[in-house]
N, C-alpha and C. Protein backbone atom coordinates (compact mmCIF):
# COMPACT_ATOMS: atom_id res chain seq x y z
N MET A 1 265.25 153.08 129.11
CA MET A 1 265.24 152.55 129.81
C MET A 1 266.67 151.33 129.64
N ALA A 2 267.55 150.63 130.65
CA ALA A 2 268.57 150.10 130.05
C ALA A 2 268.86 149.05 131.02
N ALA A 3 268.66 147.94 130.84
CA ALA A 3 268.06 146.46 132.04
C ALA A 3 269.57 146.55 132.79
N GLU A 4 270.89 147.06 132.43
CA GLU A 4 271.55 147.11 133.18
C GLU A 4 272.15 148.25 134.61
N SER A 5 272.34 147.78 135.37
CA SER A 5 272.63 148.76 136.43
C SER A 5 273.90 149.78 136.42
N GLU A 6 274.34 150.63 136.74
CA GLU A 6 275.15 151.88 136.68
C GLU A 6 276.57 150.96 136.59
N SER A 7 276.73 149.81 137.32
CA SER A 7 277.69 148.84 137.12
C SER A 7 277.87 147.97 136.10
N GLY A 8 276.96 148.36 134.98
CA GLY A 8 277.00 147.23 134.16
C GLY A 8 276.83 145.86 134.17
N SER A 9 275.99 145.31 134.95
CA SER A 9 275.66 144.19 135.67
C SER A 9 273.94 144.20 135.15
N ILE A 10 273.73 143.05 135.06
CA ILE A 10 271.98 142.69 134.65
C ILE A 10 271.57 142.75 136.02
N ARG A 11 270.79 143.41 136.05
CA ARG A 11 269.39 143.30 137.75
C ARG A 11 267.86 142.73 137.45
N HIS A 12 268.10 141.22 137.92
CA HIS A 12 266.78 140.16 137.84
C HIS A 12 265.83 140.31 138.65
N LEU A 13 264.66 140.88 138.35
CA LEU A 13 263.33 140.69 139.16
C LEU A 13 263.74 140.31 140.87
N ASP A 14 263.88 138.85 140.60
CA ASP A 14 264.38 138.30 142.07
C ASP A 14 265.30 139.07 143.14
N ASP A 15 266.27 139.32 142.62
CA ASP A 15 267.52 140.14 143.25
C ASP A 15 266.92 141.46 143.57
N VAL A 16 266.02 142.32 143.06
CA VAL A 16 265.50 143.55 143.18
C VAL A 16 264.65 143.47 144.09
N ALA A 17 263.79 142.53 144.44
CA ALA A 17 262.85 142.13 145.01
C ALA A 17 263.22 141.58 146.45
N ARG A 18 264.24 141.01 146.23
CA ARG A 18 265.20 140.57 147.58
C ARG A 18 265.75 141.47 147.73
N ALA A 19 266.06 142.03 147.35
CA ALA A 19 266.98 143.46 148.02
C ALA A 19 265.99 144.22 148.81
N ILE A 20 264.89 144.74 148.12
CA ILE A 20 263.95 145.41 148.96
C ILE A 20 263.03 144.75 150.14
N VAL A 21 262.95 143.62 149.92
CA VAL A 21 262.36 142.56 151.18
C VAL A 21 263.20 142.56 152.59
N ALA A 22 264.87 142.27 151.87
CA ALA A 22 265.60 142.45 152.80
C ALA A 22 266.05 143.53 153.36
N GLU A 23 265.64 144.77 153.01
CA GLU A 23 265.60 145.93 153.64
C GLU A 23 265.12 146.39 154.79
N VAL A 24 263.22 145.92 154.07
CA VAL A 24 262.61 146.27 155.15
C VAL A 24 262.34 145.44 156.02
N ALA A 25 262.15 143.88 155.67
CA ALA A 25 261.85 143.12 156.61
C ALA A 25 262.97 142.16 156.43
N PRO A 26 263.91 141.74 156.80
CA PRO A 26 265.06 141.16 156.83
C PRO A 26 264.42 139.62 157.39
N ARG A 27 263.81 139.32 158.37
CA ARG A 27 263.08 137.91 158.89
C ARG A 27 262.36 137.37 157.81
N GLU A 28 261.99 138.44 156.66
CA GLU A 28 261.30 137.57 155.92
C GLU A 28 262.18 137.43 154.75
N ALA A 29 263.00 138.06 154.32
CA ALA A 29 263.73 137.99 153.25
C ALA A 29 264.80 136.22 153.66
N GLU A 30 265.03 135.86 154.43
CA GLU A 30 265.06 134.48 154.94
C GLU A 30 264.76 133.50 154.11
N TYR A 31 263.06 134.04 153.95
CA TYR A 31 262.01 132.80 153.61
C TYR A 31 261.92 133.68 152.19
N PHE A 32 262.63 134.47 151.27
CA PHE A 32 262.29 135.05 150.27
C PHE A 32 262.36 133.39 148.78
N PRO A 33 263.40 132.63 149.05
CA PRO A 33 263.10 131.80 147.71
C PRO A 33 261.35 131.20 148.05
N ALA A 34 261.04 130.46 149.20
CA ALA A 34 260.13 129.53 149.48
C ALA A 34 258.86 130.59 148.75
N VAL A 35 258.79 131.86 149.72
CA VAL A 35 257.60 133.11 149.40
C VAL A 35 257.34 132.88 147.62
N ALA A 36 258.90 133.24 147.06
CA ALA A 36 258.86 133.74 145.43
C ALA A 36 257.95 132.85 144.75
N ARG A 37 258.66 131.37 145.01
CA ARG A 37 257.90 130.19 144.60
C ARG A 37 256.09 130.11 144.43
N ALA A 38 255.71 130.51 145.84
CA ALA A 38 254.75 130.12 145.90
C ALA A 38 253.39 130.98 145.27
N ALA A 39 254.27 132.45 145.38
CA ALA A 39 253.61 133.62 144.66
C ALA A 39 253.56 133.49 143.27
N ARG A 40 254.69 132.51 142.72
CA ARG A 40 254.10 132.47 141.47
C ARG A 40 253.40 131.50 141.12
N ARG A 41 253.01 130.44 141.89
CA ARG A 41 252.56 129.42 141.97
C ARG A 41 251.12 129.98 141.67
N ASN A 42 250.97 130.59 142.74
CA ASN A 42 249.25 131.01 142.87
C ASN A 42 249.35 132.39 143.36
N PRO A 43 249.47 133.26 142.25
CA PRO A 43 249.44 134.56 143.34
C PRO A 43 248.74 135.56 144.00
N ARG A 44 247.24 134.81 143.85
CA ARG A 44 246.00 135.38 144.61
C ARG A 44 246.40 134.09 145.68
N ARG A 45 246.41 133.28 146.20
CA ARG A 45 246.82 132.84 147.67
C ARG A 45 248.07 133.35 148.35
N ALA A 46 248.63 133.83 148.04
CA ALA A 46 250.39 134.47 148.16
C ALA A 46 249.83 135.82 149.16
N PHE A 47 248.76 136.02 149.14
CA PHE A 47 248.11 137.54 149.84
C PHE A 47 247.36 136.79 150.57
N ARG A 48 246.34 135.61 150.91
CA ARG A 48 245.67 135.19 151.84
C ARG A 48 246.36 134.44 152.95
N GLY A 49 247.46 134.50 153.23
CA GLY A 49 247.66 134.16 154.20
C GLY A 49 247.78 132.40 154.36
N GLY A 50 247.49 131.77 155.39
CA GLY A 50 247.27 130.24 155.12
C GLY A 50 248.62 129.74 155.48
N GLY A 51 249.78 129.78 155.85
CA GLY A 51 251.34 129.63 155.34
C GLY A 51 251.33 128.53 155.14
N ASP A 52 250.80 127.18 156.27
CA ASP A 52 250.35 125.71 156.10
C ASP A 52 250.27 125.53 154.69
N ASP A 53 249.04 126.12 154.04
CA ASP A 53 249.07 125.44 152.68
C ASP A 53 249.65 126.17 151.51
N LEU A 54 250.32 127.12 151.90
CA LEU A 54 250.72 128.09 150.79
C LEU A 54 252.36 127.54 150.91
N LEU A 55 253.17 127.77 151.93
CA LEU A 55 254.20 127.35 151.71
C LEU A 55 254.91 125.72 152.81
N GLY A 56 254.00 125.46 153.55
CA GLY A 56 254.87 124.34 154.63
C GLY A 56 254.54 124.77 155.65
N PHE A 57 254.96 126.13 156.01
CA PHE A 57 254.86 126.53 157.65
C PHE A 57 254.05 127.82 157.73
N SER A 58 254.25 127.97 158.66
CA SER A 58 253.04 129.18 159.23
C SER A 58 253.44 130.47 158.90
N LEU A 59 254.58 130.61 158.28
CA LEU A 59 255.12 132.65 158.19
C LEU A 59 253.99 133.10 158.22
N ALA A 60 253.23 132.78 156.84
CA ALA A 60 252.28 133.60 156.05
C ALA A 60 250.98 133.67 157.26
N ASP A 61 250.81 133.31 158.20
CA ASP A 61 249.77 133.16 158.92
C ASP A 61 249.92 134.63 160.22
N ALA A 62 251.55 134.53 160.70
CA ALA A 62 251.65 135.66 161.55
C ALA A 62 251.60 136.95 161.40
N VAL A 63 252.17 137.26 159.76
CA VAL A 63 252.30 138.63 159.25
C VAL A 63 251.91 138.86 157.89
N THR A 64 252.07 140.00 157.57
CA THR A 64 251.44 140.06 156.02
C THR A 64 252.97 140.08 155.10
N LEU A 65 252.84 139.38 154.26
CA LEU A 65 254.10 138.94 153.69
C LEU A 65 254.16 140.09 152.23
N LEU A 66 255.49 140.77 152.60
CA LEU A 66 255.75 142.02 151.30
C LEU A 66 256.18 141.46 150.35
N THR A 67 256.90 140.05 149.99
CA THR A 67 257.54 139.65 148.96
C THR A 67 255.96 139.58 147.63
N PRO A 68 255.20 138.77 148.20
CA PRO A 68 254.65 139.26 146.61
C PRO A 68 253.36 140.33 146.29
N VAL A 69 253.69 141.03 147.56
CA VAL A 69 253.38 142.60 147.17
C VAL A 69 254.37 143.35 146.39
N VAL A 70 256.04 142.90 146.64
CA VAL A 70 257.27 143.79 146.04
C VAL A 70 257.10 142.97 144.35
N MET A 71 256.98 141.76 144.41
CA MET A 71 257.19 140.81 143.01
C MET A 71 256.18 141.02 142.28
N THR A 72 254.76 141.75 142.73
CA THR A 72 253.52 141.81 141.42
C THR A 72 253.58 143.59 141.40
N VAL A 73 254.26 144.26 141.91
CA VAL A 73 254.22 145.75 141.42
C VAL A 73 255.76 145.61 140.86
N LEU A 74 256.38 145.33 141.03
CA LEU A 74 257.73 145.00 139.92
C LEU A 74 257.12 144.59 138.95
N THR A 75 256.73 143.23 138.65
CA THR A 75 256.30 142.89 137.52
C THR A 75 255.45 143.92 136.74
N GLY A 76 254.60 144.61 137.02
CA GLY A 76 253.45 145.52 136.76
C GLY A 76 254.75 146.63 136.11
N ALA A 77 255.73 146.69 136.64
CA ALA A 77 256.51 148.02 136.48
C ALA A 77 257.49 147.82 135.33
N VAL A 78 257.75 146.39 135.47
CA VAL A 78 258.71 146.09 133.89
C VAL A 78 258.26 145.63 132.82
N THR A 79 256.68 145.34 132.79
CA THR A 79 255.96 144.79 131.92
C THR A 79 254.92 145.92 131.45
N ASN A 80 255.04 147.15 131.84
CA ASN A 80 254.30 148.67 131.58
C ASN A 80 252.68 147.83 132.06
N THR A 81 252.58 146.89 133.02
CA THR A 81 250.85 147.39 133.48
C THR A 81 250.76 147.56 134.84
N LEU A 82 251.65 148.15 135.47
CA LEU A 82 251.70 149.13 136.62
C LEU A 82 250.65 150.17 136.68
N THR A 83 249.96 150.96 135.88
CA THR A 83 249.00 151.60 135.62
C THR A 83 247.41 150.65 135.83
N GLN A 84 247.66 149.94 135.42
CA GLN A 84 246.55 149.12 135.35
C GLN A 84 246.25 148.04 136.92
N ALA A 85 247.54 148.10 137.82
CA ALA A 85 247.33 147.55 138.76
C ALA A 85 247.18 148.41 139.99
N VAL A 86 247.69 149.80 139.97
CA VAL A 86 247.54 151.47 140.46
C VAL A 86 245.94 151.64 140.38
N GLU A 87 245.33 151.32 139.03
CA GLU A 87 243.84 151.88 139.12
C GLU A 87 242.76 150.74 139.70
N ARG A 88 243.47 149.26 139.50
CA ARG A 88 242.69 148.45 140.24
C ARG A 88 242.51 148.38 142.03
N THR A 89 243.83 149.07 142.32
CA THR A 89 243.66 149.03 143.84
C THR A 89 243.21 150.35 144.33
N SER A 90 242.70 151.38 143.80
CA SER A 90 242.67 153.06 143.65
C SER A 90 241.05 152.73 143.50
N LYS A 91 240.16 152.11 142.93
CA LYS A 91 238.90 152.18 142.42
C LYS A 91 238.10 151.65 144.30
N GLN A 92 237.42 152.36 144.12
CA GLN A 92 236.58 152.32 145.68
C GLN A 92 235.31 151.66 144.91
N VAL A 93 235.33 150.37 144.94
CA VAL A 93 234.08 149.83 144.64
C VAL A 93 233.44 148.52 145.95
N SER A 94 232.60 148.14 145.47
CA SER A 94 231.97 147.37 146.83
C SER A 94 232.65 146.02 146.68
N LYS A 95 233.22 145.64 145.88
CA LYS A 95 234.08 143.95 145.72
C LYS A 95 235.07 144.16 147.06
N SER A 96 235.74 143.33 147.40
CA SER A 96 236.54 142.81 148.33
C SER A 96 238.48 143.68 148.27
N LEU A 97 238.89 143.46 149.18
CA LEU A 97 240.22 144.25 148.66
C LEU A 97 240.96 143.16 147.35
N TRP A 98 240.57 141.94 148.34
CA TRP A 98 241.08 141.07 147.12
C TRP A 98 240.75 141.18 145.88
N ASP A 99 239.60 141.33 145.42
CA ASP A 99 238.73 141.43 143.58
C ASP A 99 239.39 142.91 143.36
N ARG A 100 239.51 143.71 144.06
CA ARG A 100 240.37 144.99 143.38
C ARG A 100 242.05 144.87 143.20
N LEU A 101 242.43 144.09 143.73
CA LEU A 101 243.93 143.99 143.37
C LEU A 101 243.86 143.25 142.34
N PHE A 102 243.20 141.72 142.01
CA PHE A 102 243.40 141.10 141.05
C PHE A 102 242.28 140.57 140.63
N PRO A 103 242.30 140.66 139.01
CA PRO A 103 241.32 140.31 138.19
C PRO A 103 240.88 138.72 138.40
N PRO A 104 239.97 138.05 137.59
CA PRO A 104 239.81 136.97 138.61
C PRO A 104 240.84 135.93 137.76
N ARG A 105 241.64 136.82 136.89
CA ARG A 105 242.90 135.63 136.40
C ARG A 105 243.50 136.76 136.40
N PRO A 106 244.34 136.52 137.57
CA PRO A 106 245.68 137.38 137.87
C PRO A 106 246.57 137.54 136.37
N ALA A 107 247.27 138.34 136.39
CA ALA A 107 248.59 138.50 135.53
C ALA A 107 249.70 137.17 136.26
N PRO A 108 250.64 136.59 135.47
CA PRO A 108 251.36 135.99 136.93
C PRO A 108 252.55 136.63 136.62
N ILE A 109 252.91 136.52 137.92
CA ILE A 109 254.50 137.11 138.17
C ILE A 109 255.35 136.69 137.50
N ALA A 110 256.45 137.62 137.24
CA ALA A 110 257.44 137.77 136.09
C ALA A 110 258.16 136.11 136.20
N GLY A 111 259.04 135.89 135.45
CA GLY A 111 260.06 135.00 136.11
C GLY A 111 261.41 135.57 137.07
N PRO A 112 262.21 134.68 137.64
CA PRO A 112 263.20 135.43 138.47
C PRO A 112 264.56 135.98 137.71
N GLU A 113 264.23 135.59 136.58
CA GLU A 113 265.34 135.96 135.58
C GLU A 113 265.09 137.40 134.77
N THR A 114 263.81 137.88 134.76
CA THR A 114 263.62 139.13 133.91
C THR A 114 264.09 140.21 134.55
N ALA A 115 264.94 141.02 133.31
CA ALA A 115 265.57 142.23 133.96
C ALA A 115 264.78 143.20 134.33
N VAL A 116 265.32 143.77 134.94
CA VAL A 116 264.65 145.34 135.77
C VAL A 116 265.90 146.17 135.80
N PRO A 117 265.29 147.30 134.47
CA PRO A 117 266.60 148.51 134.41
C PRO A 117 266.05 149.15 135.62
N VAL A 118 267.03 149.95 135.32
CA VAL A 118 267.55 151.04 136.41
C VAL A 118 266.52 152.02 135.68
N PHE A 119 265.20 152.57 136.53
CA PHE A 119 263.96 153.87 136.20
C PHE A 119 264.51 154.91 135.98
N GLU A 120 263.63 155.80 135.35
CA GLU A 120 263.71 157.09 135.27
C GLU A 120 263.15 157.44 136.65
N PRO A 121 263.59 158.68 137.15
CA PRO A 121 262.95 158.89 138.26
C PRO A 121 261.70 158.89 138.54
N ALA A 122 260.80 159.49 137.51
CA ALA A 122 259.51 159.14 137.77
C ALA A 122 258.77 158.00 137.76
N GLN A 123 259.33 157.49 136.93
CA GLN A 123 259.01 155.96 137.31
C GLN A 123 259.18 155.00 138.17
N ALA A 124 260.20 155.20 138.84
CA ALA A 124 260.70 154.70 139.93
C ALA A 124 259.66 155.32 141.12
N LYS A 125 259.38 156.81 141.17
CA LYS A 125 258.37 157.23 142.23
C LYS A 125 257.30 156.66 142.03
N GLU A 126 256.55 156.51 141.03
CA GLU A 126 255.28 155.83 140.49
C GLU A 126 255.30 154.35 140.79
N THR A 127 255.90 153.28 140.84
CA THR A 127 256.50 152.29 141.47
C THR A 127 256.28 152.10 142.65
N ALA A 128 256.84 152.83 143.48
CA ALA A 128 257.51 152.72 144.48
C ALA A 128 255.86 153.11 145.11
N GLN A 129 255.30 154.21 145.07
CA GLN A 129 254.05 154.79 145.65
C GLN A 129 252.79 153.73 145.60
N ALA A 130 253.25 153.14 144.03
CA ALA A 130 252.02 152.13 144.14
C ALA A 130 252.18 150.79 145.08
N ILE A 131 253.74 150.70 145.39
CA ILE A 131 253.78 149.17 146.85
C ILE A 131 253.61 149.89 147.79
N GLU A 132 253.68 151.27 148.16
CA GLU A 132 253.14 151.82 149.39
C GLU A 132 251.96 151.67 149.47
N ASP A 133 251.01 151.51 148.09
CA ASP A 133 249.57 152.09 148.92
C ASP A 133 249.01 150.60 148.60
N ILE A 134 249.53 149.62 147.92
CA ILE A 134 249.29 148.40 147.93
C ILE A 134 249.58 148.07 149.28
N ALA A 135 250.47 148.36 149.95
CA ALA A 135 250.82 147.61 151.32
C ALA A 135 250.40 147.95 152.44
N LEU A 136 249.70 149.39 151.87
CA LEU A 136 248.60 150.23 153.03
C LEU A 136 247.41 149.19 153.25
N ALA A 137 247.09 149.06 151.74
CA ALA A 137 245.80 148.61 151.74
C ALA A 137 245.32 147.05 152.08
N LEU A 138 246.65 146.31 151.95
CA LEU A 138 246.39 145.16 152.94
C LEU A 138 246.80 145.01 154.30
N GLY A 139 246.86 145.88 154.81
CA GLY A 139 247.05 146.45 156.80
C GLY A 139 248.44 146.11 156.64
N VAL A 140 249.07 146.91 156.04
CA VAL A 140 250.73 146.74 156.84
C VAL A 140 250.41 148.01 157.16
N ASP A 141 251.26 148.13 158.45
CA ASP A 141 251.62 149.42 159.22
C ASP A 141 252.28 150.42 158.45
N ARG A 142 251.82 151.84 158.37
CA ARG A 142 252.24 152.90 157.88
C ARG A 142 254.06 153.23 157.83
N THR A 143 254.56 152.86 158.72
CA THR A 143 255.64 152.97 158.70
C THR A 143 256.85 152.02 157.68
N THR A 144 256.05 150.72 158.26
CA THR A 144 256.84 149.57 157.21
C THR A 144 256.51 149.79 155.76
N ALA A 145 255.30 150.42 155.19
CA ALA A 145 254.73 150.46 154.15
C ALA A 145 255.68 151.86 153.53
N LEU A 146 255.83 153.00 154.77
CA LEU A 146 256.62 154.21 153.87
C LEU A 146 258.45 153.84 153.86
N ARG A 147 258.81 152.51 154.83
CA ARG A 147 260.37 151.81 154.74
C ARG A 147 260.15 151.19 153.00
N LEU A 148 259.01 150.57 152.63
CA LEU A 148 258.56 149.83 151.95
C LEU A 148 259.31 150.97 150.54
N ARG A 149 258.34 151.46 150.27
CA ARG A 149 258.30 152.92 149.01
C ARG A 149 259.80 153.45 149.22
N GLN A 150 260.38 153.62 150.45
CA GLN A 150 261.65 154.55 150.86
C GLN A 150 262.61 153.31 149.61
N ALA A 151 262.50 152.29 149.87
CA ALA A 151 263.50 151.01 149.47
C ALA A 151 263.03 150.69 148.04
N THR A 152 262.42 150.82 147.81
CA THR A 152 261.89 150.14 146.20
C THR A 152 262.11 151.76 145.70
N TYR A 153 262.08 153.08 145.75
CA TYR A 153 262.46 153.95 145.07
C TYR A 153 264.12 153.66 145.03
N GLY A 154 264.79 153.55 145.91
CA GLY A 154 266.35 153.63 146.39
C GLY A 154 266.65 152.24 145.03
N HIS A 155 266.10 151.49 145.30
CA HIS A 155 266.77 150.42 144.69
C HIS A 155 266.44 150.31 142.67
N LEU A 156 265.13 150.78 142.24
CA LEU A 156 264.97 151.11 141.19
C LEU A 156 265.22 152.30 140.46
N SER A 157 265.51 152.97 141.38
CA SER A 157 266.20 154.45 140.52
C SER A 157 268.01 154.26 140.77
N GLY A 158 268.16 153.25 141.48
CA GLY A 158 270.01 153.20 141.13
C GLY A 158 270.67 153.74 142.23
N GLU A 159 270.20 154.16 143.08
CA GLU A 159 270.55 154.67 144.32
C GLU A 159 271.40 153.69 145.06
N ARG A 160 270.35 152.65 145.01
CA ARG A 160 271.09 151.61 146.12
C ARG A 160 271.54 150.47 145.41
């Protein structure tokens, strides 16, 4: 996998994540920088809502934010820990969804300048499916989760 797109430019994690979020949730994309910073500061809290505490405003109270989902799964994909993330989400145990998604010490979200390669089709499909599964588990509606999977596949495979 090369870290460059077909056009030859380096793709960075925040650029790819922002493009995916903008395609699926244009209103959230406006707040991408703030949500991304908050998610990096405290990945666990980014999934809980509580926008006043997390972001300084109440965006997270009204919706399930896609930015932390996309950034977490992309981090796993580019650092080769995606399989672990998928296994954590698919285990049917008595712990809360939160505990299944994140161990007590979640791995940090990769930095904004982390290179994101153009993925092989199988890896792009696996990553896109993981994003859809996690979004559904967090209560995102099926239509949005499907659009999220499609956008993720398109951006990671180099189609978009």
